């Protein structure tokens, strides 16, 4: 039980590391940090949402769509997954679908800081 508790406490540090690496432009490092968090809890939808966003930023739209849709099935309000889906659709030229995702996000959070 202590091992499970320790793993649960480690996940936020991996997420923080992923955020910092993403801000520095190290998408591969961010992906590795998120993968380390998922090794501890492979079903964590918050981490999976972030992973979808990183996949979209890495220009891996098909992977981002698959990950984001899985997250949104379990947590429809996950903002990272919505952004990932919008970015992936935009990359694939599916502009009406991308617009729909971004509008959904703006309805939920009008102050969202698009990058």
PDB file of N, CA and C in Angstrom:
ATOM      1  N   UNK A   1       0.823  -1.197   0.000  1.00  0.00           N
ATOM      2  CA  UNK A   1       0.000   0.000   0.000  1.00  0.00           C
ATOM      3  C   UNK A   1       0.869   1.263   0.000  1.00  0.00           C
ATOM      4  N   UNK A   2       2.003   1.234   0.696  1.00  0.00           N
ATOM      5  CA  UNK A   2       2.896   2.394   0.692  1.00  0.00           C
ATOM      6  C   UNK A   2       3.454   2.659  -0.695  1.00  0.00           C
ATOM      7  N   UNK A   3       3.723   1.598  -1.451  1.00  0.00           N
ATOM      8  CA  UNK A   3       4.239   1.763  -2.814  1.00  0.00           C
ATOM      9  C   UNK A   3       3.207   2.462  -3.691  1.00  0.00           C
ATOM     10  N   UNK A   4       1.947   2.113  -3.537  1.00  0.00           N
ATOM     11  CA  UNK A   4       0.888   2.760  -4.318  1.00  0.00           C
ATOM     12  C   UNK A   4       0.799   4.226  -3.948  1.00  0.00           C
ATOM     13  N   UNK A   5       0.861   4.519  -2.661  1.00  0.00           N
ATOM     14  CA  UNK A   5       0.797   5.897  -2.190  1.00  0.00           C
ATOM     15  C   UNK A   5       1.982   6.700  -2.727  1.00  0.00           C
ATOM     16  N   UNK A   6       3.164   6.132  -2.732  1.00  0.00           N
ATOM     17  CA  UNK A   6       4.353   6.810  -3.244  1.00  0.00           C
ATOM     18  C   UNK A   6       4.196   7.086  -4.731  1.00  0.00           C
ATOM     19  N   UNK A   7       3.717   6.109  -5.481  1.00  0.00           N
ATOM     20  CA  UNK A   7       3.492   6.310  -6.908  1.00  0.00           C
ATOM     21  C   UNK A   7       2.511   7.446  -7.158  1.00  0.00           C
ATOM     22  N   UNK A   8       1.429   7.498  -6.374  1.00  0.00           N
ATOM     23  CA  UNK A   8       0.447   8.563  -6.525  1.00  0.00           C
ATOM     24  C   UNK A   8       1.068   9.930  -6.264  1.00  0.00           C
ATOM     25  N   UNK A   9       2.023   9.998  -5.358  1.00  0.00           N
ATOM     26  CA  UNK A   9       2.673  11.274  -5.051  1.00  0.00           C
ATOM     27  C   UNK A   9       3.701  11.658  -6.105  1.00  0.00           C
ATOM     28  N   UNK A  10       4.223  10.689  -6.827  1.00  0.00           N
ATOM     29  CA  UNK A  10       5.214  10.984  -7.860  1.00  0.00           C
ATOM     30  C   UNK A  10       4.589  11.559  -9.131  1.00  0.00           C
ATOM     31  N   UNK A  11       3.357  11.201  -9.420  1.00  0.00           N
ATOM     32  CA  UNK A  11       2.721  11.626 -10.668  1.00  0.00           C
ATOM     33  C   UNK A  11       2.722  13.146 -10.830  1.00  0.00           C
ATOM     34  N   UNK A  12       2.341  13.939  -9.821  1.00  0.00           N
ATOM     35  CA  UNK A  12       2.380  15.396 -10.014  1.00  0.00           C
ATOM     36  C   UNK A  12       3.773  15.940 -10.351  1.00  0.00           C
ATOM     37  N   UNK A  13       4.828  15.320  -9.826  1.00  0.00           N
ATOM     38  CA  UNK A  13       6.161  15.826 -10.169  1.00  0.00           C
ATOM     39  C   UNK A  13       6.515  15.523 -11.616  1.00  0.00           C
ATOM     40  N   UNK A  14       6.065  14.380 -12.129  1.00  0.00           N
ATOM     41  CA  UNK A  14       6.290  14.084 -13.541  1.00  0.00           C
ATOM     42  C   UNK A  14       5.492  15.050 -14.423  1.00  0.00           C
ATOM     43  N   UNK A  15       4.278  15.371 -14.003  1.00  0.00           N
ATOM     44  CA  UNK A  15       3.440  16.308 -14.756  1.00  0.00           C
ATOM     45  C   UNK A  15       4.086  17.693 -14.760  1.00  0.00           C
ATOM     46  N   UNK A  16       4.572  18.135 -13.608  1.00  0.00           N
ATOM     47  CA  UNK A  16       5.241  19.442 -13.526  1.00  0.00           C
ATOM     48  C   UNK A  16       6.477  19.469 -14.428  1.00  0.00           C
ATOM     49  N   UNK A  17       7.244  18.393 -14.390  1.00  0.00           N
ATOM     50  CA  UNK A  17       8.424  18.300 -15.243  1.00  0.00           C
ATOM     51  C   UNK A  17       8.027  18.375 -16.715  1.00  0.00           C
ATOM     52  N   UNK A  18       6.962  17.670 -17.090  1.00  0.00           N
ATOM     53  CA  UNK A  18       6.487  17.689 -18.480  1.00  0.00           C
ATOM     54  C   UNK A  18       6.080  19.101 -18.897  1.00  0.00           C
ATOM     55  N   UNK A  19       5.389  19.817 -18.002  1.00  0.00           N
ATOM     56  CA  UNK A  19       4.987  21.196 -18.306  1.00  0.00           C
ATOM     57  C   UNK A  19       6.198  22.085 -18.538  1.00  0.00           C
ATOM     58  N   UNK A  20       7.190  21.971 -17.679  1.00  0.00           N
ATOM     59  CA  UNK A  20       8.401  22.787 -17.823  1.00  0.00           C
ATOM     60  C   UNK A  20       9.140  22.456 -19.119  1.00  0.00           C
ATOM     61  N   UNK A  21       9.252  21.179 -19.414  1.00  0.00           N
ATOM     62  CA  UNK A  21       9.939  20.776 -20.640  1.00  0.00           C
ATOM     63  C   UNK A  21       9.180  21.246 -21.876  1.00  0.00           C
ATOM     64  N   UNK A  22       7.864  21.184 -21.823  1.00  0.00           N
ATOM     65  CA  UNK A  22       7.066  21.672 -22.951  1.00  0.00           C
ATOM     66  C   UNK A  22       7.303  23.163 -23.156  1.00  0.00           C
ATOM     67  N   UNK A  23       7.309  23.922 -22.072  1.00  0.00           N
ATOM     68  CA  UNK A  23       7.548  25.367 -22.172  1.00  0.00           C
ATOM     69  C   UNK A  23       8.920  25.681 -22.760  1.00  0.00           C
ATOM     70  N   UNK A  24       9.882  24.822 -22.511  1.00  0.00           N
ATOM     71  CA  UNK A  24      11.235  24.992 -23.066  1.00  0.00           C
ATOM     72  C   UNK A  24      11.340  24.504 -24.504  1.00  0.00           C
ATOM     73  N   UNK A  25      10.263  23.873 -24.985  1.00  0.00           N
ATOM     74  CA  UNK A  25      10.271  23.351 -26.343  1.00  0.00           C
ATOM     75  C   UNK A  25      10.799  21.940 -26.455  1.00  0.00           C
ATOM     76  N   UNK A  26      11.045  21.291 -25.332  1.00  0.00           N
ATOM     77  CA  UNK A  26      11.545  19.913 -25.332  1.00  0.00           C
ATOM     78  C   UNK A  26      10.348  18.962 -25.277  1.00  0.00           C
ATOM     79  N   UNK A  27       9.731  18.753 -26.428  1.00  0.00           N
ATOM     80  CA  UNK A  27       8.533  17.918 -26.479  1.00  0.00           C
ATOM     81  C   UNK A  27       8.850  16.454 -26.222  1.00  0.00           C
ATOM     82  N   UNK A  28      10.012  16.001 -26.673  1.00  0.00           N
ATOM     83  CA  UNK A  28      10.413  14.612 -26.433  1.00  0.00           C
ATOM     84  C   UNK A  28      10.606  14.369 -24.932  1.00  0.00           C
ATOM     85  N   UNK A  29      11.258  15.307 -24.262  1.00  0.00           N
ATOM     86  CA  UNK A  29      11.442  15.190 -22.818  1.00  0.00           C
ATOM     87  C   UNK A  29      10.121  15.230 -22.073  1.00  0.00           C
ATOM     88  N   UNK A  30       9.207  16.097 -22.532  1.00  0.00           N
ATOM     89  CA  UNK A  30       7.879  16.172 -21.918  1.00  0.00           C
ATOM     90  C   UNK A  30       7.143  14.844 -22.085  1.00  0.00           C
ATOM     91  N   UNK A  31       7.256  14.280 -23.287  1.00  0.00           N
ATOM     92  CA  UNK A  31       6.619  12.988 -23.546  1.00  0.00           C
ATOM     93  C   UNK A  31       7.185  11.902 -22.622  1.00  0.00           C
ATOM     94  N   UNK A  32       8.493  11.912 -22.417  1.00  0.00           N
ATOM     95  CA  UNK A  32       9.130  10.926 -21.540  1.00  0.00           C
ATOM     96  C   UNK A  32       8.651  11.075 -20.095  1.00  0.00           C
ATOM     97  N   UNK A  33       8.507  12.316 -19.635  1.00  0.00           N
ATOM     98  CA  UNK A  33       8.031  12.554 -18.272  1.00  0.00           C
ATOM     99  C   UNK A  33       6.591  12.044 -18.118  1.00  0.00           C
ATOM    100  N   UNK A  34       5.764  12.298 -19.123  1.00  0.00           N
ATOM    101  CA  UNK A  34       4.385  11.828 -19.063  1.00  0.00           C
ATOM    102  C   UNK A  34       4.321  10.302 -19.126  1.00  0.00           C
ATOM    103  N   UNK A  35       5.182   9.709 -19.930  1.00  0.00           N
ATOM    104  CA  UNK A  35       5.229   8.243 -19.993  1.00  0.00           C
ATOM    105  C   UNK A  35       5.621   7.659 -18.637  1.00  0.00           C
ATOM    106  N   UNK A  36       6.533   8.336 -17.938  1.00  0.00           N
ATOM    107  CA  UNK A  36       6.926   7.871 -16.597  1.00  0.00           C
ATOM    108  C   UNK A  36       5.731   7.938 -15.641  1.00  0.00           C
ATOM    109  N   UNK A  37       4.932   8.994 -15.759  1.00  0.00           N
ATOM    110  CA  UNK A  37       3.726   9.095 -14.921  1.00  0.00           C
ATOM    111  C   UNK A  37       2.738   7.993 -15.276  1.00  0.00           C
ATOM    112  N   UNK A  38       2.598   7.712 -16.561  1.00  0.00           N
ATOM    113  CA  UNK A  38       1.653   6.672 -16.994  1.00  0.00           C
ATOM    114  C   UNK A  38       2.112   5.278 -16.609  1.00  0.00           C
ATOM    115  N   UNK A  39       3.406   5.084 -16.411  1.00  0.00           N
ATOM    116  CA  UNK A  39       3.888   3.797 -15.902  1.00  0.00           C
ATOM    117  C   UNK A  39       3.350   3.543 -14.506  1.00  0.00           C
ATOM    118  N   UNK A  40       3.082   4.598 -13.777  1.00  0.00           N
ATOM    119  CA  UNK A  40       2.573   4.474 -12.416  1.00  0.00           C
ATOM    120  C   UNK A  40       1.048   4.386 -12.378  1.00  0.00           C
ATOM    121  N   UNK A  41       0.398   5.021 -13.347  1.00  0.00           N
ATOM    122  CA  UNK A  41      -1.068   4.978 -13.424  1.00  0.00           C
ATOM    123  C   UNK A  41      -1.470   5.161 -14.881  1.00  0.00           C
ATOM    124  N   UNK A  42      -1.586   4.059 -15.599  1.00  0.00           N
ATOM    125  CA  UNK A  42      -1.819   4.129 -17.044  1.00  0.00           C
ATOM    126  C   UNK A  42      -3.193   4.668 -17.404  1.00  0.00           C
ATOM    127  N   UNK A  43      -4.091   4.772 -16.444  1.00  0.00           N
ATOM    128  CA  UNK A  43      -5.451   5.248 -16.717  1.00  0.00           C
ATOM    129  C   UNK A  43      -5.690   6.684 -16.271  1.00  0.00           C
ATOM    130  N   UNK A  44      -4.647   7.395 -15.890  1.00  0.00           N
ATOM    131  CA  UNK A  44      -4.800   8.762 -15.414  1.00  0.00           C
ATOM    132  C   UNK A  44      -5.199   9.666 -16.588  1.00  0.00           C
ATOM    133  N   UNK A  45      -6.454  10.117 -16.591  1.00  0.00           N
ATOM    134  CA  UNK A  45      -6.949  10.886 -17.736  1.00  0.00           C
ATOM    135  C   UNK A  45      -6.313  12.264 -17.840  1.00  0.00           C
ATOM    136  N   UNK A  46      -5.902  12.838 -16.721  1.00  0.00           N
ATOM    137  CA  UNK A  46      -5.244  14.144 -16.798  1.00  0.00           C
ATOM    138  C   UNK A  46      -3.894  14.023 -17.500  1.00  0.00           C
ATOM    139  N   UNK A  47      -3.143  12.992 -17.154  1.00  0.00           N
ATOM    140  CA  UNK A  47      -1.846  12.767 -17.795  1.00  0.00           C
ATOM    141  C   UNK A  47      -2.052  12.395 -19.260  1.00  0.00           C
ATOM    142  N   UNK A  48      -3.051  11.582 -19.533  1.00  0.00           N
ATOM    143  CA  UNK A  48      -3.327  11.185 -20.924  1.00  0.00           C
ATOM    144  C   UNK A  48      -3.764  12.391 -21.758  1.00  0.00           C
ATOM    145  N   UNK A  49      -4.492  13.321 -21.157  1.00  0.00           N
ATOM    146  CA  UNK A  49      -4.871  14.543 -21.871  1.00  0.00           C
ATOM    147  C   UNK A  49      -3.654  15.372 -22.240  1.00  0.00           C
ATOM    148  N   UNK A  50      -2.732  15.489 -21.305  1.00  0.00           N
ATOM    149  CA  UNK A  50      -1.484  16.206 -21.587  1.00  0.00           C
ATOM    150  C   UNK A  50      -0.689  15.485 -22.670  1.00  0.00           C
ATOM    151  N   UNK A  51      -0.692  14.163 -22.595  1.00  0.00           N
ATOM    152  CA  UNK A  51       0.035  13.371 -23.590  1.00  0.00           C
ATOM    153  C   UNK A  51      -0.555  13.607 -24.986  1.00  0.00           C
ATOM    154  N   UNK A  52      -1.874  13.685 -25.077  1.00  0.00           N
ATOM    155  CA  UNK A  52      -2.518  13.968 -26.361  1.00  0.00           C
ATOM    156  C   UNK A  52      -2.079  15.325 -26.900  1.00  0.00           C
ATOM    157  N   UNK A  53      -1.991  16.306 -26.013  1.00  0.00           N
ATOM    158  CA  UNK A  53      -1.568  17.646 -26.435  1.00  0.00           C
ATOM    159  C   UNK A  53      -0.131  17.625 -26.949  1.00  0.00           C
ATOM    160  N   UNK A  54       0.746  16.912 -26.261  1.00  0.00           N
ATOM    161  CA  UNK A  54       2.140  16.808 -26.702  1.00  0.00           C
ATOM    162  C   UNK A  54       2.213  16.089 -28.052  1.00  0.00           C
ATOM    163  N   UNK A  55       1.436  15.026 -28.222  1.00  0.00           N
ATOM    164  CA  UNK A  55       1.422  14.317 -29.503  1.00  0.00           C
ATOM    165  C   UNK A  55       1.007  15.250 -30.638  1.00  0.00           C
ATOM    166  N   UNK A  56       0.015  16.099 -30.389  1.00  0.00           N
ATOM    167  CA  UNK A  56      -0.417  17.055 -31.413  1.00  0.00           C
ATOM    168  C   UNK A  56       0.705  18.051 -31.722  1.00  0.00           C
ATOM    169  N   UNK A  57       1.381  18.525 -30.685  1.00  0.00           N
ATOM    170  CA  UNK A  57       2.489  19.464 -30.887  1.00  0.00           C
ATOM    171  C   UNK A  57       3.660  18.816 -31.621  1.00  0.00           C
ATOM    172  N   UNK A  58       3.806  17.504 -31.483  1.00  0.00           N
ATOM    173  CA  UNK A  58       4.858  16.763 -32.174  1.00  0.00           C
ATOM    174  C   UNK A  58       4.473  16.425 -33.611  1.00  0.00           C
ATOM    175  N   UNK A  59       3.353  16.978 -34.065  1.00  0.00           N
ATOM    176  CA  UNK A  59       2.862  16.712 -35.422  1.00  0.00           C
ATOM    177  C   UNK A  59       2.546  15.228 -35.638  1.00  0.00           C
ATOM    178  N   UNK A  60       1.940  14.625 -34.636  1.00  0.00           N
ATOM    179  CA  UNK A  60       1.486  13.232 -34.710  1.00  0.00           C
ATOM    180  C   UNK A  60      -0.039  13.229 -34.542  1.00  0.00           C
ATOM    181  N   UNK A  61      -0.746  13.803 -35.529  1.00  0.00           N
ATOM    182  CA  UNK A  61      -2.182  14.034 -35.350  1.00  0.00           C
ATOM    183  C   UNK A  61      -3.017  12.776 -35.151  1.00  0.00           C
ATOM    184  N   UNK A  62      -2.696  11.700 -35.859  1.00  0.00           N
ATOM    185  CA  UNK A  62      -3.498  10.483 -35.706  1.00  0.00           C
ATOM    186  C   UNK A  62      -3.379   9.936 -34.280  1.00  0.00           C
ATOM    187  N   UNK A  63      -2.145   9.939 -33.746  1.00  0.00           N
ATOM    188  CA  UNK A  63      -1.940   9.476 -32.367  1.00  0.00           C
ATOM    189  C   UNK A  63      -2.636  10.405 -31.376  1.00  0.00           C
ATOM    190  N   UNK A  64      -2.558  11.712 -31.646  1.00  0.00           N
ATOM    191  CA  UNK A  64      -3.190  12.695 -30.756  1.00  0.00           C
ATOM    192  C   UNK A  64      -4.704  12.509 -30.737  1.00  0.00           C
ATOM    193  N   UNK A  65      -5.287  12.270 -31.911  1.00  0.00           N
ATOM    194  CA  UNK A  65      -6.741  12.075 -31.989  1.00  0.00           C
ATOM    195  C   UNK A  65      -7.153  10.839 -31.197  1.00  0.00           C
ATOM    196  N   UNK A  66      -6.433   9.763 -31.396  1.00  0.00           N
ATOM    197  CA  UNK A  66      -6.774   8.521 -30.686  1.00  0.00           C
ATOM    198  C   UNK A  66      -6.690   8.715 -29.172  1.00  0.00           C
ATOM    199  N   UNK A  67      -5.609   9.331 -28.717  1.00  0.00           N
ATOM    200  CA  UNK A  67      -5.433   9.557 -27.278  1.00  0.00           C
ATOM    201  C   UNK A  67      -6.498  10.512 -26.745  1.00  0.00           C
ATOM    202  N   UNK A  68      -6.728  11.620 -27.455  1.00  0.00           N
ATOM    203  CA  UNK A  68      -7.687  12.628 -26.994  1.00  0.00           C
ATOM    204  C   UNK A  68      -9.101  12.067 -26.945  1.00  0.00           C
ATOM    205  N   UNK A  69      -9.486  11.302 -27.945  1.00  0.00           N
ATOM    206  CA  UNK A  69     -10.836  10.736 -27.948  1.00  0.00           C
ATOM    207  C   UNK A  69     -11.036   9.768 -26.778  1.00  0.00           C
ATOM    208  N   UNK A  70     -10.004   9.005 -26.459  1.00  0.00           N
ATOM    209  CA  UNK A  70     -10.090   8.116 -25.308  1.00  0.00           C
ATOM    210  C   UNK A  70     -10.262   8.880 -24.011  1.00  0.00           C
ATOM    211  N   UNK A  71      -9.532   9.978 -23.884  1.00  0.00           N
ATOM    212  CA  UNK A  71      -9.639  10.819 -22.686  1.00  0.00           C
ATOM    213  C   UNK A  71     -11.028  11.441 -22.606  1.00  0.00           C
ATOM    214  N   UNK A  72     -11.488  12.004 -23.716  1.00  0.00           N
ATOM    215  CA  UNK A  72     -12.772  12.711 -23.713  1.00  0.00           C
ATOM    216  C   UNK A  72     -13.958  11.773 -23.507  1.00  0.00           C
ATOM    217  N   UNK A  73     -13.788  10.512 -23.842  1.00  0.00           N
ATOM    218  CA  UNK A  73     -14.823   9.526 -23.553  1.00  0.00           C
ATOM    219  C   UNK A  73     -15.018   9.399 -22.048  1.00  0.00           C
ATOM    220  N   UNK A  74     -13.895   9.455 -21.314  1.00  0.00           N
ATOM    221  CA  UNK A  74     -13.944   9.300 -19.858  1.00  0.00           C
ATOM    222  C   UNK A  74     -14.097  10.617 -19.121  1.00  0.00           C
ATOM    223  N   UNK A  75     -13.618  11.706 -19.743  1.00  0.00           N
ATOM    224  CA  UNK A  75     -13.652  13.015 -19.084  1.00  0.00           C
ATOM    225  C   UNK A  75     -13.888  14.099 -20.139  1.00  0.00           C
ATOM    226  N   UNK A  76     -15.151  14.340 -20.508  1.00  0.00           N
ATOM    227  CA  UNK A  76     -15.461  15.253 -21.616  1.00  0.00           C
ATOM    228  C   UNK A  76     -14.980  16.687 -21.437  1.00  0.00           C
ATOM    229  N   UNK A  77     -14.654  17.081 -20.232  1.00  0.00           N
ATOM    230  CA  UNK A  77     -14.221  18.458 -19.988  1.00  0.00           C
ATOM    231  C   UNK A  77     -12.702  18.614 -19.948  1.00  0.00           C
ATOM    232  N   UNK A  78     -11.942  17.597 -20.325  1.00  0.00           N
ATOM    233  CA  UNK A  78     -10.478  17.675 -20.267  1.00  0.00           C
ATOM    234  C   UNK A  78      -9.976  18.653 -21.323  1.00  0.00           C
ATOM    235  N   UNK A  79      -9.497  19.798 -20.864  1.00  0.00           N
ATOM    236  CA  UNK A  79      -9.112  20.877 -21.772  1.00  0.00           C
ATOM    237  C   UNK A  79      -7.906  20.532 -22.637  1.00  0.00           C
ATOM    238  N   UNK A  80      -6.938  19.830 -22.073  1.00  0.00           N
ATOM    239  CA  UNK A  80      -5.776  19.437 -22.876  1.00  0.00           C
ATOM    240  C   UNK A  80      -6.192  18.529 -24.034  1.00  0.00           C
ATOM    241  N   UNK A  81      -7.102  17.614 -23.781  1.00  0.00           N
ATOM    242  CA  UNK A  81      -7.562  16.700 -24.827  1.00  0.00           C
ATOM    243  C   UNK A  81      -8.343  17.456 -25.906  1.00  0.00           C
ATOM    244  N   UNK A  82      -9.131  18.440 -25.504  1.00  0.00           N
ATOM    245  CA  UNK A  82      -9.883  19.234 -26.479  1.00  0.00           C
ATOM    246  C   UNK A  82      -8.922  20.028 -27.362  1.00  0.00           C
ATOM    247  N   UNK A  83      -7.915  20.637 -26.748  1.00  0.00           N
ATOM    248  CA  UNK A  83      -6.901  21.374 -27.519  1.00  0.00           C
ATOM    249  C   UNK A  83      -6.181  20.432 -28.471  1.00  0.00           C
ATOM    250  N   UNK A  84      -5.804  19.257 -27.977  1.00  0.00           N
ATOM    251  CA  UNK A  84      -5.099  18.285 -28.808  1.00  0.00           C
ATOM    252  C   UNK A  84      -5.946  17.877 -30.006  1.00  0.00           C
ATOM    253  N   UNK A  85      -7.213  17.640 -29.755  1.00  0.00           N
ATOM    254  CA  UNK A  85      -8.107  17.243 -30.834  1.00  0.00           C
ATOM    255  C   UNK A  85      -8.238  18.368 -31.868  1.00  0.00           C
ATOM    256  N   UNK A  86      -8.417  19.587 -31.399  1.00  0.00           N
ATOM    257  CA  UNK A  86      -8.498  20.729 -32.317  1.00  0.00           C
ATOM    258  C   UNK A  86      -7.227  20.901 -33.132  1.00  0.00           C
ATOM    259  N   UNK A  87      -6.083  20.817 -32.463  1.00  0.00           N
ATOM    260  CA  UNK A  87      -4.797  20.947 -33.168  1.00  0.00           C
ATOM    261  C   UNK A  87      -4.598  19.831 -34.187  1.00  0.00           C
ATOM    262  N   UNK A  88      -4.949  18.607 -33.795  1.00  0.00           N
ATOM    263  CA  UNK A  88      -4.771  17.467 -34.698  1.00  0.00           C
ATOM    264  C   UNK A  88      -5.678  17.603 -35.915  1.00  0.00           C
ATOM    265  N   UNK A  89      -6.920  17.984 -35.690  1.00  0.00           N
ATOM    266  CA  UNK A  89      -7.831  18.179 -36.821  1.00  0.00           C
ATOM    267  C   UNK A  89      -7.317  19.287 -37.738  1.00  0.00           C
ATOM    268  N   UNK A  90      -6.816  20.358 -37.152  1.00  0.00           N
ATOM    269  CA  UNK A  90      -6.276  21.470 -37.957  1.00  0.00           C
ATOM    270  C   UNK A  90      -5.097  20.992 -38.796  1.00  0.00           C
ATOM    271  N   UNK A  91      -4.196  20.218 -38.189  1.00  0.00           N
ATOM    272  CA  UNK A  91      -3.046  19.687 -38.908  1.00  0.00           C
ATOM    273  C   UNK A  91      -3.472  18.832 -40.093  1.00  0.00           C
ATOM    274  N   UNK A  92      -4.539  18.071 -39.912  1.00  0.00           N
ATOM    275  CA  UNK A  92      -5.032  17.198 -40.981  1.00  0.00           C
ATOM    276  C   UNK A  92      -5.916  17.931 -41.996  1.00  0.00           C
ATOM    277  N   UNK A  93      -6.112  19.240 -41.788  1.00  0.00           N
ATOM    278  CA  UNK A  93      -6.934  20.016 -42.711  1.00  0.00           C
ATOM    279  C   UNK A  93      -8.424  19.877 -42.475  1.00  0.00           C
ATOM    280  N   UNK A  94      -8.793  19.301 -41.365  1.00  0.00           N
ATOM    281  CA  UNK A  94     -10.214  19.129 -41.022  1.00  0.00           C
ATOM    282  C   UNK A  94     -10.663  20.353 -40.218  1.00  0.00           C
ATOM    283  N   UNK A  95     -10.718  21.483 -40.910  1.00  0.00           N
ATOM    284  CA  UNK A  95     -10.923  22.770 -40.239  1.00  0.00           C
ATOM    285  C   UNK A  95     -12.274  22.915 -39.543  1.00  0.00           C
ATOM    286  N   UNK A  96     -13.386  22.458 -40.121  1.00  0.00           N
ATOM    287  CA  UNK A  96     -14.652  22.567 -39.365  1.00  0.00           C
ATOM    288  C   UNK A  96     -14.617  21.781 -38.045  1.00  0.00           C
ATOM    289  N   UNK A  97     -14.000  20.605 -38.066  1.00  0.00           N
ATOM    290  CA  UNK A  97     -13.895  19.815 -36.835  1.00  0.00           C
ATOM    291  C   UNK A  97     -12.983  20.518 -35.829  1.00  0.00           C
ATOM    292  N   UNK A  98     -11.889  21.097 -36.323  1.00  0.00           N
ATOM    293  CA  UNK A  98     -10.973  21.831 -35.438  1.00  0.00           C
ATOM    294  C   UNK A  98     -11.691  23.020 -34.804  1.00  0.00           C
ATOM    295  N   UNK A  99     -12.408  23.765 -35.622  1.00  0.00           N
ATOM    296  CA  UNK A  99     -13.142  24.936 -35.119  1.00  0.00           C
ATOM    297  C   UNK A  99     -14.148  24.525 -34.051  1.00  0.00           C
ATOM    298  N   UNK A 100     -14.846  23.411 -34.278  1.00  0.00           N
ATOM    299  CA  UNK A 100     -15.835  22.940 -33.305  1.00  0.00           C
ATOM    300  C   UNK A 100     -15.178  22.649 -31.958  1.00  0.00           C
ATOM    301  N   UNK A 101     -13.999  22.030 -31.981  1.00  0.00           N
ATOM    302  CA  UNK A 101     -13.296  21.733 -30.723  1.00  0.00           C
ATOM    303  C   UNK A 101     -12.862  23.012 -30.020  1.00  0.00           C
ATOM    304  N   UNK A 102     -12.308  23.953 -30.775  1.00  0.00           N
ATOM    305  CA  UNK A 102     -11.848  25.198 -30.149  1.00  0.00           C
ATOM    306  C   UNK A 102     -13.016  26.011 -29.608  1.00  0.00           C
ATOM    307  N   UNK A 103     -14.151  26.001 -30.304  1.00  0.00           N
ATOM    308  CA  UNK A 103     -15.336  26.696 -29.797  1.00  0.00           C
ATOM    309  C   UNK A 103     -15.860  26.046 -28.518  1.00  0.00           C
ATOM    310  N   UNK A 104     -15.801  24.719 -28.474  1.00  0.00           N
ATOM    311  CA  UNK A 104     -16.212  23.988 -27.272  1.00  0.00           C
ATOM    312  C   UNK A 104     -15.350  24.430 -26.085  1.00  0.00           C
ATOM    313  N   UNK A 105     -14.061  24.551 -26.335  1.00  0.00           N
ATOM    314  CA  UNK A 105     -13.143  24.968 -25.272  1.00  0.00           C
ATOM    315  C   UNK A 105     -13.430  26.404 -24.833  1.00  0.00           C
ATOM    316  N   UNK A 106     -13.680  27.285 -25.792  1.00  0.00           N
ATOM    317  CA  UNK A 106     -13.960  28.681 -25.442  1.00  0.00           C
ATOM    318  C   UNK A 106     -15.264  28.830 -24.660  1.00  0.00           C
ATOM    319  N   UNK A 107     -16.226  27.950 -24.923  1.00  0.00           N
ATOM    320  CA  UNK A 107     -17.455  27.969 -24.128  1.00  0.00           C
ATOM    321  C   UNK A 107     -17.169  27.584 -22.682  1.00  0.00           C
ATOM    322  N   UNK A 108     -16.303  26.586 -22.518  1.00  0.00           N
ATOM    323  CA  UNK A 108     -15.955  26.116 -21.169  1.00  0.00           C
ATOM    324  C   UNK A 108     -15.076  27.122 -20.438  1.00  0.00           C
ATOM    325  N   UNK A 109     -14.155  27.721 -21.189  1.00  0.00           N
ATOM    326  CA  UNK A 109     -13.163  28.598 -20.560  1.00  0.00           C
ATOM    327  C   UNK A 109     -12.803  29.742 -21.500  1.00  0.00           C
ATOM    328  N   UNK A 110     -13.563  30.826 -21.451  1.00  0.00           N
ATOM    329  CA  UNK A 110     -13.338  31.952 -22.374  1.00  0.00           C
ATOM    330  C   UNK A 110     -11.956  32.581 -22.283  1.00  0.00           C
ATOM    331  N   UNK A 111     -11.273  32.393 -21.163  1.00  0.00           N
ATOM    332  CA  UNK A 111      -9.944  33.006 -20.986  1.00  0.00           C
ATOM    333  C   UNK A 111      -8.812  32.050 -21.324  1.00  0.00           C
ATOM    334  N   UNK A 112      -9.112  30.938 -22.021  1.00  0.00           N
ATOM    335  CA  UNK A 112      -8.064  29.940 -22.304  1.00  0.00           C
ATOM    336  C   UNK A 112      -6.942  30.590 -23.109  1.00  0.00           C
ATOM    337  N   UNK A 113      -5.693  30.428 -22.673  1.00  0.00           N
ATOM    338  CA  UNK A 113      -4.552  31.069 -23.351  1.00  0.00           C
ATOM    339  C   UNK A 113      -4.066  30.253 -24.556  1.00  0.00           C
ATOM    340  N   UNK A 114      -4.705  30.449 -25.703  1.00  0.00           N
ATOM    341  CA  UNK A 114      -4.251  29.733 -26.903  1.00  0.00           C
ATOM    342  C   UNK A 114      -2.832  30.164 -27.226  1.00  0.00           C
ATOM    343  N   UNK A 115      -2.042  29.219 -27.717  1.00  0.00           N
ATOM    344  CA  UNK A 115      -0.639  29.487 -27.975  1.00  0.00           C
ATOM    345  C   UNK A 115      -0.390  29.844 -29.404  1.00  0.00           C
TER     346      UNK A 115
END
